[in-house]
Amino acid sequence: MNTSEKISSSNVNQPLQNVDGLSRVYFLGIGGIGMSALARYFNKKKLTVSGYDKTETVLTKQLEAEGIKIHYEDNIELIDKQAELVIYTPAVPKEHKELNYFIANGYRLVKRSEVLGAITNSTYNICVAGTHGKTTTSTMVAHILKHSGYGCNAFLGGISVNYNTNFWMQENVQPQSNKKNVSVVEADEYDRSFLKLSPDIAIINSMDADHLDIYGTAENMEQAFIEFTQRIKPGGLLLSKYGLKRAADLKASEHFSFHLHNSNANVYASNIRMLNGSYQFDVVIQDYEIKDVVLNMGGQHNIENMLAAITVAKYLKIDEDKIKKAVADFKGVKRRFEYIVKQSSATGDALTGTVMVDDYAHHPEELRALILGAKQLFPKKKCTVVFQPHLYSRTKDLADGFAETLNLADEVILLPIYPAREKPIEGVESEMIANKMNNSNTKIMGKTELLNWLKENKTELLITAGAGDIDTLVQPVKEILINKNKL
């Protein structure tokens, strides 16, 4: 019997209805972006929170600074043996000593998705799903609610630049008041996690094939999104991108569609103008219009994400002026079209100096939106993309799509595949993508080789992309670009 079979058959993994009455919680994989949001929730509730992760990161250091005890060695002597609840991520390998100790000793052991479902059982839930776009959109929704004073709990899959966190809690919601206790939740399709949630409002940005190691086929994955909409509460609202495959099967009491500029959608943008790396546009929501919205974030796909967020805010009857001020103040999400270097020329002008954008993009369609968005904003700059493929299985399944999308760049540098939770697959390397490309200006490099190459070669519009550890290169690359500019 493997570990997952043990867990599913264990009497300690029964459905979790609520998290009331707990005092000690332990996390296996506490440094994950979704896990860390839950750790922050329990820490905010004054529980004793501790956990394990494989490596120390900026995020785990922040958690430790907030009072959470973390260790980085798989050692049962270091765990909290008094923990009443152990939360684990599916990325933890089945041979993990701590995991097997908890199983063998009958601890209450649950996945992150179970806990998130239990926490939000009693709140008004805005759940944002999609194979891409969900992190940015959920952060936009949560930001508008917080900035406007409406308030919300936020469980995000990225770090909000405005607040430098992936979690915050709604304050002072009294049961006798008319104010809703609202949770904004990133609804993750990986491992079917989003099927533990119960939305009052659901957003679906995209349903492109991904996680085929879990779903097997694109059709199975689409079916999971259909099941997600079936979990919307009676009287609830669904917002889905116009033109989604199987859109007719997505059901809710109310169903609005949104699109960047297609006027057949219920919600769309018009009169889009570009302003030196930012956008100004009008929002059309059926017969209603909001004029001159300013978004200080690159990529037209982010206008589309913001359309969904603005529609939610209007549905909640937030004042138009408050919405516009919140959107203008939105600083983005770390690693989502994040400007690392924007004004590096002697004149401080992004249009003449080097621009560096960093993004979490790890799916062909995410990469496509990223590259096209950057090239549209800076059309005269040579576009160099540094991409780190994430997972052997995803690279194998989507190699053709990656190759086609990366051909959009003027120059491509591929880093070795980041394996994450996977073992190598024979014959699957970054060369698989390179060999399918018709861009002759494509190279494969290691990290040190890349840094040395950047010192010797000029870049104009540099994009770093991927969901692995490519983010550790952002600061050294930034320093190289800035130092070169001073010469």
Protein backbone atom coordinates (compact mmCIF):
# COMPACT_ATOMS: atom_id res chain seq x y z
CA MET A 1 0.00 0.00 0.00
CA ASN A 2 1.46 3.40 -0.93
CA THR A 3 1.20 6.47 1.26
CA SER A 4 -1.73 8.06 -0.55
CA GLU A 5 -3.71 4.84 -0.13
CA LYS A 6 -2.86 4.79 3.57
CA ILE A 7 -3.99 8.37 3.96
CA SER A 8 -7.28 7.94 2.13
CA SER A 9 -8.16 4.81 4.09
CA SER A 10 -7.02 6.25 7.43
CA ASN A 11 -9.60 7.11 10.06
CA VAL A 12 -7.72 10.36 10.68
CA ASN A 13 -8.58 11.78 7.25
CA GLN A 14 -12.34 12.10 7.65
CA PRO A 15 -14.01 15.20 6.14
CA LEU A 16 -13.23 18.33 8.13
CA GLN A 17 -16.36 20.33 8.90
CA ASN A 18 -14.79 23.21 10.84
CA VAL A 19 -11.57 24.25 12.56
CA ASP A 20 -13.10 25.40 15.83
CA GLY A 21 -11.47 24.50 19.12
CA LEU A 22 -7.97 23.85 17.77
CA SER A 23 -4.89 25.12 19.56
CA ARG A 24 -1.94 23.49 17.70
CA VAL A 25 -1.56 23.00 13.92
CA TYR A 26 1.38 21.52 12.00
CA PHE A 27 2.12 21.95 8.28
CA LEU A 28 4.00 19.57 5.97
CA GLY A 29 5.14 21.85 3.16
CA ILE A 30 4.48 25.12 4.99
CA GLY A 31 6.42 27.19 2.45
CA GLY A 32 3.98 26.57 -0.40
CA ILE A 33 2.08 29.67 -1.41
CA GLY A 34 -1.33 28.19 -0.55
CA MET A 35 -0.11 26.46 2.60
CA SER A 36 1.54 29.62 3.90
CA ALA A 37 -1.74 31.54 3.60
CA LEU A 38 -3.40 28.95 5.86
CA ALA A 39 -0.46 29.06 8.28
CA ARG A 40 -0.89 32.84 8.49
CA TYR A 41 -4.64 32.38 9.11
CA PHE A 42 -4.08 30.08 12.09
CA ASN A 43 -1.26 32.26 13.39
CA LYS A 44 -3.55 35.30 13.23
CA LYS A 45 -6.09 33.29 15.25
CA LYS A 46 -3.38 32.88 17.96
CA LEU A 47 -2.92 29.11 17.52
CA THR A 48 0.50 27.47 17.90
CA VAL A 49 1.64 27.01 14.30
CA SER A 50 4.74 25.17 13.13
CA GLY A 51 5.87 23.15 10.16
CA TYR A 52 8.41 21.61 7.80
CA ASP A 53 9.59 22.61 4.37
CA LYS A 54 12.34 21.29 2.14
CA THR A 55 14.15 24.59 1.66
CA GLU A 56 14.32 28.01 3.29
CA THR A 57 12.88 30.79 1.13
CA VAL A 58 12.01 34.46 1.43
CA LEU A 59 8.46 33.38 2.28
CA THR A 60 9.46 30.93 5.02
CA LYS A 61 11.72 33.59 6.54
CA GLN A 62 8.71 35.93 6.64
CA LEU A 63 6.62 33.23 8.35
CA GLU A 64 9.35 32.71 10.94
CA ALA A 65 9.53 36.47 11.54
CA GLU A 66 5.77 36.35 12.20
CA GLY A 67 6.35 33.81 14.98
CA ILE A 68 5.87 30.49 13.16
CA LYS A 69 8.46 27.81 13.95
CA ILE A 70 9.82 26.08 10.81
CA HIS A 71 12.51 23.46 10.23
CA TYR A 72 14.07 22.20 7.00
CA GLU A 73 15.11 18.67 7.88
CA ASP A 74 12.82 15.62 7.54
CA ASN A 75 13.19 14.64 11.19
CA ILE A 76 10.43 13.32 13.46
CA GLU A 77 12.29 14.68 16.48
CA LEU A 78 11.59 18.21 15.25
CA ILE A 79 7.83 17.91 14.72
CA ASP A 80 5.08 19.15 17.04
CA LYS A 81 3.87 15.85 18.49
CA GLN A 82 1.05 17.68 20.30
CA ALA A 83 -0.46 18.92 17.04
CA GLU A 84 -4.23 18.39 16.84
CA LEU A 85 -4.32 18.86 13.07
CA VAL A 86 -1.65 18.10 10.47
CA ILE A 87 -2.08 19.77 7.08
CA TYR A 88 -0.12 18.34 4.17
CA THR A 89 0.41 19.11 0.52
CA PRO A 90 0.20 16.40 -2.18
CA ALA A 91 3.72 17.47 -3.21
CA VAL A 92 5.16 15.77 -0.09
CA PRO A 93 6.77 12.48 -1.27
CA LYS A 94 5.27 9.22 -0.05
CA GLU A 95 8.54 8.16 1.63
CA HIS A 96 8.65 11.30 3.80
CA LYS A 97 9.49 10.27 7.37
CA GLU A 98 7.35 12.89 9.11
CA LEU A 99 4.34 12.12 6.93
CA ASN A 100 4.61 8.42 7.68
CA TYR A 101 5.02 9.10 11.40
CA PHE A 102 1.77 11.06 11.48
CA ILE A 103 -0.02 8.32 9.52
CA ALA A 104 1.30 5.52 11.75
CA ASN A 105 0.35 7.35 14.93
CA GLY A 106 -3.23 8.25 14.00
CA TYR A 107 -2.96 12.03 13.75
CA ARG A 108 -5.77 14.03 12.12
CA LEU A 109 -4.22 14.45 8.67
CA VAL A 110 -5.89 16.55 5.96
CA LYS A 111 -5.05 18.25 2.67
CA ARG A 112 -4.89 22.02 2.36
CA SER A 113 -8.08 22.04 0.27
CA GLU A 114 -10.06 20.36 3.07
CA VAL A 115 -8.96 23.02 5.53
CA LEU A 116 -9.74 25.89 3.17
CA GLY A 117 -13.19 24.41 2.59
CA ALA A 118 -13.80 24.13 6.33
CA ILE A 119 -12.64 27.68 7.06
CA THR A 120 -14.93 29.12 4.37
CA ASN A 121 -17.98 26.99 5.24
CA SER A 122 -19.53 29.89 7.13
CA THR A 123 -18.41 32.85 4.97
CA TYR A 124 -19.64 34.56 1.80
CA ASN A 125 -17.18 33.20 -0.75
CA ILE A 126 -15.76 34.73 -3.91
CA CYS A 127 -13.81 31.91 -5.55
CA VAL A 128 -11.55 32.53 -8.55
CA ALA A 129 -10.67 29.57 -10.78
CA GLY A 130 -8.88 29.03 -14.08
CA THR A 131 -5.78 27.33 -15.42
CA HIS A 132 -4.27 30.80 -15.59
CA GLY A 133 -5.28 34.23 -14.36
CA LYS A 134 -6.70 33.13 -11.02
CA THR A 135 -3.93 34.52 -8.80
CA THR A 136 -3.97 37.99 -10.34
CA THR A 137 -7.78 38.14 -10.50
CA SER A 138 -8.30 36.97 -6.91
CA THR A 139 -5.73 39.52 -5.71
CA MET A 140 -7.50 42.25 -7.70
CA VAL A 141 -10.88 41.35 -6.16
CA ALA A 142 -9.44 41.22 -2.64
CA HIS A 143 -7.58 44.51 -3.14
CA ILE A 144 -10.69 46.37 -4.32
CA LEU A 145 -12.70 45.06 -1.35
CA LYS A 146 -9.96 45.98 1.12
CA HIS A 147 -9.06 49.37 -0.42
CA SER A 148 -12.70 50.44 -0.68
CA GLY A 149 -13.40 49.61 2.96
CA TYR A 150 -15.82 46.79 2.10
CA GLY A 151 -13.38 44.30 3.64
CA CYS A 152 -12.63 40.62 3.15
CA ASN A 153 -10.58 37.65 4.19
CA ALA A 154 -8.06 36.84 1.45
CA PHE A 155 -6.46 33.46 0.70
CA LEU A 156 -4.26 34.13 -2.32
CA GLY A 157 -1.89 32.13 -4.50
CA GLY A 158 0.57 35.00 -4.83
CA ILE A 159 2.03 37.87 -2.85
CA SER A 160 0.09 41.12 -3.22
CA VAL A 161 2.56 43.93 -3.87
CA ASN A 162 0.23 46.42 -2.13
CA TYR A 163 0.25 44.49 1.15
CA ASN A 164 3.30 42.19 0.80
CA THR A 165 1.31 39.14 1.85
CA ASN A 166 -0.92 36.37 0.47
CA PHE A 167 -3.37 36.50 3.39
CA TRP A 168 -5.34 39.04 5.34
CA MET A 169 -8.36 38.88 7.59
CA GLN A 170 -11.54 40.92 7.62
CA GLU A 171 -11.77 42.89 10.84
CA ASN A 172 -14.72 43.66 13.09
CA VAL A 173 -17.55 41.78 11.41
CA GLN A 174 -20.28 41.57 14.03
CA PRO A 175 -22.98 38.87 13.63
CA GLN A 176 -25.72 41.43 14.24
CA SER A 177 -24.45 43.82 11.54
CA ASN A 178 -25.57 43.75 7.91
CA LYS A 179 -21.97 43.44 6.72
CA LYS A 180 -21.06 40.13 5.07
CA ASN A 181 -18.08 38.10 6.32
CA VAL A 182 -16.45 37.70 2.90
CA SER A 183 -13.65 35.35 1.84
CA VAL A 184 -11.81 35.81 -1.45
CA VAL A 185 -10.25 32.47 -2.33
CA GLU A 186 -8.02 31.32 -5.15
CA ALA A 187 -9.73 28.13 -6.32
CA ASP A 188 -6.97 25.76 -7.42
CA GLU A 189 -7.81 23.04 -9.95
CA TYR A 190 -4.66 21.03 -9.11
CA ASP A 191 -5.61 17.75 -7.40
CA ARG A 192 -9.28 18.85 -7.78
CA SER A 193 -8.81 21.09 -4.73
CA PHE A 194 -11.48 23.61 -5.83
CA LEU A 195 -14.19 20.98 -5.46
CA LYS A 196 -13.97 21.47 -1.68
CA LEU A 197 -15.18 25.07 -1.96
CA SER A 198 -18.71 26.50 -1.90
CA PRO A 199 -18.79 29.78 -3.86
CA ASP A 200 -21.38 32.53 -3.64
CA ILE A 201 -19.58 34.17 -6.57
CA ALA A 202 -17.35 32.14 -8.87
CA ILE A 203 -15.01 33.39 -11.60
CA ILE A 204 -13.56 31.15 -14.32
CA ASN A 205 -10.84 32.81 -16.41
CA SER A 206 -9.70 29.83 -18.48
CA MET A 207 -10.01 26.08 -18.91
CA ASP A 208 -6.96 25.23 -21.04
CA ALA A 209 -5.46 21.76 -20.69
CA ASP A 210 -3.08 21.46 -17.73
CA HIS A 211 -2.29 19.06 -14.89
CA LEU A 212 -2.80 16.10 -17.20
CA ASP A 213 -0.78 14.06 -14.69
CA ILE A 214 -3.85 14.43 -12.46
CA TYR A 215 -6.73 14.51 -14.96
CA GLY A 216 -5.45 12.30 -17.77
CA THR A 217 -7.33 14.18 -20.51
CA ALA A 218 -8.40 17.76 -21.25
CA GLU A 219 -12.02 16.57 -21.18
CA ASN A 220 -11.65 15.28 -17.62
CA MET A 221 -10.22 18.62 -16.55
CA GLU A 222 -13.07 20.52 -18.21
CA GLN A 223 -15.53 18.27 -16.40
CA ALA A 224 -13.95 19.26 -13.07
CA PHE A 225 -14.61 22.93 -13.87
CA ILE A 226 -18.24 22.06 -14.65
CA GLU A 227 -18.47 20.31 -11.27
CA PHE A 228 -16.95 23.42 -9.67
CA THR A 229 -19.82 25.55 -11.01
CA GLN A 230 -22.30 23.02 -9.61
CA ARG A 231 -20.96 23.93 -6.17
CA ILE A 232 -22.10 27.56 -6.52
CA LYS A 233 -24.72 28.26 -3.89
CA PRO A 234 -28.36 28.79 -4.93
CA GLY A 235 -28.82 32.39 -6.05
CA GLY A 236 -25.08 32.72 -6.69
CA LEU A 237 -23.23 34.40 -9.56
CA LEU A 238 -20.87 32.90 -12.14
CA LEU A 239 -18.53 35.08 -14.19
CA SER A 240 -16.83 33.19 -17.01
CA LYS A 241 -14.63 34.33 -19.86
CA TYR A 242 -16.64 34.67 -23.07
CA GLY A 243 -15.93 31.88 -25.55
CA LEU A 244 -14.84 29.17 -23.13
CA LYS A 245 -15.18 25.66 -24.46
CA ARG A 246 -18.25 23.96 -22.94
CA ALA A 247 -19.49 27.31 -21.62
CA ALA A 248 -23.07 26.07 -22.02
CA ASP A 249 -22.37 23.41 -19.38
CA LEU A 250 -21.28 25.98 -16.79
CA LYS A 251 -24.31 26.62 -14.60
CA ALA A 252 -25.34 29.14 -11.95
CA SER A 253 -28.44 31.12 -10.95
CA GLU A 254 -26.87 34.15 -12.64
CA HIS A 255 -24.20 33.82 -15.33
CA PHE A 256 -22.31 36.77 -16.85
CA SER A 257 -19.56 36.49 -19.45
CA PHE A 258 -16.59 38.85 -19.74
CA HIS A 259 -14.02 39.49 -22.45
CA LEU A 260 -11.26 41.98 -23.13
CA HIS A 261 -13.02 43.66 -26.06
CA ASN A 262 -15.71 41.38 -27.53
CA SER A 263 -18.99 43.30 -27.24
CA ASN A 264 -20.97 40.03 -27.39
CA ALA A 265 -19.87 39.46 -23.78
CA ASN A 266 -21.89 40.91 -20.89
CA VAL A 267 -18.76 42.72 -19.69
CA TYR A 268 -15.96 44.12 -21.86
CA ALA A 269 -13.47 46.99 -22.14
CA SER A 270 -13.66 49.77 -24.71
CA ASN A 271 -11.51 52.75 -25.66
CA ILE A 272 -8.27 51.11 -24.43
CA ARG A 273 -5.29 53.47 -24.39
CA MET A 274 -1.65 52.73 -23.51
CA LEU A 275 0.21 55.11 -21.19
CA ASN A 276 3.93 54.24 -20.84
CA GLY A 277 3.43 50.76 -19.40
CA SER A 278 -0.07 51.43 -18.01
CA TYR A 279 -3.59 51.33 -19.46
CA GLN A 280 -6.67 53.55 -19.44
CA PHE A 281 -10.01 52.11 -20.54
CA ASP A 282 -13.78 52.17 -20.12
CA VAL A 283 -15.69 49.25 -18.59
CA VAL A 284 -19.02 48.20 -20.08
CA ILE A 285 -21.18 46.02 -17.79
CA GLN A 286 -24.32 45.32 -19.80
CA ASP A 287 -25.99 48.77 -20.03
CA TYR A 288 -23.72 50.37 -17.40
CA GLU A 289 -20.40 52.08 -18.14
CA ILE A 290 -17.45 53.14 -15.97
CA LYS A 291 -15.26 55.68 -17.76
CA ASP A 292 -11.49 56.21 -17.65
CA VAL A 293 -10.35 53.36 -15.42
CA VAL A 294 -6.53 53.39 -15.00
CA LEU A 295 -4.59 50.15 -14.48
CA ASN A 296 -0.90 50.57 -13.68
CA MET A 297 0.03 47.03 -14.70
CA GLY A 298 1.26 45.63 -17.99
CA GLY A 299 -0.42 43.06 -20.22
CA GLN A 300 -3.86 43.45 -21.80
CA HIS A 301 -4.83 40.10 -20.27
CA ASN A 302 -4.67 41.96 -16.95
CA ILE A 303 -7.30 44.41 -18.19
CA GLU A 304 -9.50 41.35 -18.75
CA ASN A 305 -8.72 40.06 -15.25
CA MET A 306 -9.61 43.45 -13.82
CA LEU A 307 -12.94 43.46 -15.70
CA ALA A 308 -13.97 40.40 -13.69
CA ALA A 309 -12.82 42.01 -10.43
CA ILE A 310 -14.67 45.27 -11.17
CA THR A 311 -17.84 43.33 -12.03
CA VAL A 312 -17.70 41.58 -8.64
CA ALA A 313 -17.29 44.95 -6.92
CA LYS A 314 -20.28 46.41 -8.78
CA TYR A 315 -22.33 43.28 -7.94
CA LEU A 316 -21.52 43.95 -4.27
CA LYS A 317 -22.72 47.56 -4.76
CA ILE A 318 -19.35 49.18 -4.05
CA ASP A 319 -19.29 52.84 -5.10
CA GLU A 320 -17.88 53.49 -8.59
CA ASP A 321 -15.45 56.16 -7.41
CA LYS A 322 -14.05 53.80 -4.77
CA ILE A 323 -13.62 51.10 -7.40
CA LYS A 324 -11.68 53.43 -9.74
CA LYS A 325 -9.40 54.63 -6.93
CA ALA A 326 -8.71 51.04 -5.87
CA VAL A 327 -7.88 49.94 -9.43
CA ALA A 328 -5.53 52.92 -9.94
CA ASP A 329 -3.76 52.02 -6.69
CA PHE A 330 -3.38 48.32 -7.56
CA LYS A 331 0.36 47.55 -7.68
CA GLY A 332 0.04 44.00 -8.91
CA VAL A 333 1.15 40.58 -7.72
CA LYS A 334 4.73 39.54 -7.27
CA ARG A 335 5.81 37.54 -10.34
CA ARG A 336 2.70 38.43 -12.38
CA PHE A 337 3.87 40.85 -15.09
CA GLU A 338 5.98 42.41 -12.35
CA TYR A 339 8.20 45.25 -13.48
CA ILE A 340 11.65 44.60 -12.00
CA VAL A 341 13.43 47.28 -14.04
CA LYS A 342 11.25 49.85 -15.77
CA GLN A 343 13.19 53.11 -15.86
CA SER A 344 16.86 52.26 -16.18
CA SER A 345 17.89 54.79 -18.82
CA ALA A 346 19.81 57.93 -17.96
CA THR A 347 16.63 59.93 -18.56
CA GLY A 348 14.52 57.59 -16.42
CA ASP A 349 12.38 56.75 -19.44
CA ALA A 350 11.18 53.14 -19.74
CA LEU A 351 10.66 53.62 -23.46
CA THR A 352 14.37 54.27 -24.04
CA GLY A 353 15.94 52.26 -21.21
CA THR A 354 16.11 48.54 -20.46
CA VAL A 355 12.88 46.99 -19.19
CA MET A 356 12.79 43.76 -17.17
CA VAL A 357 9.55 41.89 -16.45
CA ASP A 358 9.30 38.82 -14.23
CA ASP A 359 6.33 36.44 -14.38
CA TYR A 360 5.19 33.08 -12.96
CA ALA A 361 3.99 31.96 -16.42
CA HIS A 362 4.42 28.20 -16.77
CA HIS A 363 1.73 27.29 -19.35
CA PRO A 364 1.90 28.10 -23.09
CA GLU A 365 -1.16 30.37 -22.96
CA GLU A 366 0.23 32.28 -19.97
CA LEU A 367 3.50 32.74 -21.84
CA ARG A 368 1.64 33.89 -24.94
CA ALA A 369 -0.25 36.57 -23.01
CA LEU A 370 2.95 37.65 -21.26
CA ILE A 371 5.08 37.96 -24.42
CA LEU A 372 2.39 39.60 -26.55
CA GLY A 373 1.51 42.00 -23.73
CA ALA A 374 5.12 43.06 -23.24
CA LYS A 375 5.79 43.45 -26.97
CA GLN A 376 2.64 45.53 -27.37
CA LEU A 377 3.72 47.93 -24.62
CA PHE A 378 7.32 48.15 -25.87
CA PRO A 379 7.09 47.42 -29.61
CA LYS A 380 10.47 48.87 -30.56
CA LYS A 381 12.47 46.80 -28.07
CA LYS A 382 14.14 43.48 -28.83
CA CYS A 383 12.33 40.88 -26.69
CA THR A 384 14.51 38.33 -24.88
CA VAL A 385 12.69 35.60 -22.92
CA VAL A 386 14.43 33.48 -20.27
CA PHE A 387 12.11 30.53 -19.56
CA GLN A 388 12.45 27.74 -17.01
CA PRO A 389 10.08 24.85 -17.83
CA HIS A 390 8.22 23.55 -14.77
CA LEU A 391 7.68 19.78 -14.37
CA TYR A 392 8.79 17.01 -16.72
CA SER A 393 5.19 15.90 -17.27
CA ARG A 394 3.99 19.38 -18.27
CA THR A 395 6.96 19.84 -20.61
CA LYS A 396 6.24 16.48 -22.25
CA ASP A 397 2.49 17.16 -22.60
CA LEU A 398 2.75 20.78 -23.79
CA ALA A 399 6.12 20.93 -25.62
CA ASP A 400 4.49 21.87 -28.95
CA GLY A 401 2.59 24.73 -27.31
CA PHE A 402 5.68 26.02 -25.52
CA ALA A 403 7.67 25.95 -28.76
CA GLU A 404 4.98 27.79 -30.72
CA THR A 405 4.59 30.47 -28.04
CA LEU A 406 8.31 31.03 -27.47
CA ASN A 407 8.72 31.61 -31.21
CA LEU A 408 6.96 34.94 -30.58
CA ALA A 409 10.10 36.25 -28.83
CA ASP A 410 13.09 37.67 -30.69
CA GLU A 411 15.50 35.68 -28.54
CA VAL A 412 14.95 32.74 -26.16
CA ILE A 413 17.10 31.26 -23.41
CA LEU A 414 15.86 28.00 -21.90
CA LEU A 415 16.97 26.91 -18.44
CA PRO A 416 16.91 23.23 -17.42
CA ILE A 417 13.50 21.86 -16.34
CA TYR A 418 12.56 22.50 -12.71
CA PRO A 419 11.35 19.08 -11.45
CA ALA A 420 9.37 20.19 -8.34
CA ARG A 421 7.63 17.03 -7.09
CA GLU A 422 8.60 14.82 -10.07
CA LYS A 423 11.28 12.32 -11.00
CA PRO A 424 12.98 12.77 -14.41
CA ILE A 425 11.28 11.31 -17.49
CA GLU A 426 13.67 9.79 -20.00
CA GLY A 427 14.12 11.98 -23.06
CA VAL A 428 12.30 14.96 -21.57
CA GLU A 429 14.62 17.95 -21.25
CA SER A 430 14.52 21.60 -22.29
CA GLU A 431 15.99 20.49 -25.63
CA MET A 432 12.57 18.93 -26.38
CA ILE A 433 11.13 22.45 -26.62
CA ALA A 434 14.15 23.93 -28.43
CA ASN A 435 14.09 21.21 -31.09
CA LYS A 436 10.46 22.05 -31.94
CA MET A 437 11.13 25.79 -32.31
CA ASN A 438 11.88 27.60 -35.56
CA ASN A 439 13.52 30.52 -33.74
CA SER A 440 17.21 30.17 -34.57
CA ASN A 441 18.09 32.60 -31.78
CA THR A 442 17.43 30.00 -29.06
CA LYS A 443 19.96 28.85 -26.47
CA ILE A 444 19.97 26.47 -23.49
CA MET A 445 21.95 27.61 -20.45
CA GLY A 446 22.42 26.92 -16.76
CA LYS A 447 21.92 29.71 -14.24
CA THR A 448 25.57 30.70 -13.86
CA GLU A 449 26.06 30.67 -17.62
CA LEU A 450 23.00 32.90 -18.01
CA LEU A 451 24.30 35.49 -15.55
CA ASN A 452 27.67 35.58 -17.31
CA TRP A 453 25.93 35.91 -20.69
CA LEU A 454 23.85 38.86 -19.45
CA LYS A 455 27.03 40.66 -18.34
CA GLU A 456 28.38 40.43 -21.89
CA ASN A 457 25.25 40.97 -23.98
CA LYS A 458 22.80 43.85 -24.33
CA THR A 459 19.11 43.30 -23.63
CA GLU A 460 16.28 45.78 -24.23
CA LEU A 461 13.14 43.99 -23.05
CA LEU A 462 14.07 41.06 -20.81
CA ILE A 463 11.39 38.65 -19.56
CA THR A 464 12.11 35.98 -16.93
CA ALA A 465 9.34 33.38 -16.68
CA GLY A 466 8.59 30.11 -14.91
CA ALA A 467 7.10 28.59 -11.75
CA GLY A 468 10.27 26.95 -10.43
CA ASP A 469 13.23 28.60 -8.71
CA ILE A 470 13.94 31.07 -11.52
CA ASP A 471 12.78 33.74 -9.07
CA THR A 472 16.13 33.36 -7.27
CA LEU A 473 17.75 34.88 -10.37
CA VAL A 474 15.62 38.02 -10.37
CA GLN A 475 17.75 40.06 -7.96
CA PRO A 476 21.16 39.17 -9.49
CA VAL A 477 19.80 39.82 -13.01
CA LYS A 478 18.37 43.16 -11.86
CA GLU A 479 21.75 44.15 -10.41
CA ILE A 480 23.52 43.24 -13.66
CA LEU A 481 21.12 45.36 -15.72
CA ILE A 482 21.36 48.37 -13.41
CA ASN A 483 25.16 48.17 -13.10
CA LYS A 484 25.55 47.94 -16.89
CA ASN A 485 23.43 51.06 -17.26
CA LYS A 486 25.76 53.00 -14.94
CA LEU A 487 28.82 52.24 -17.10
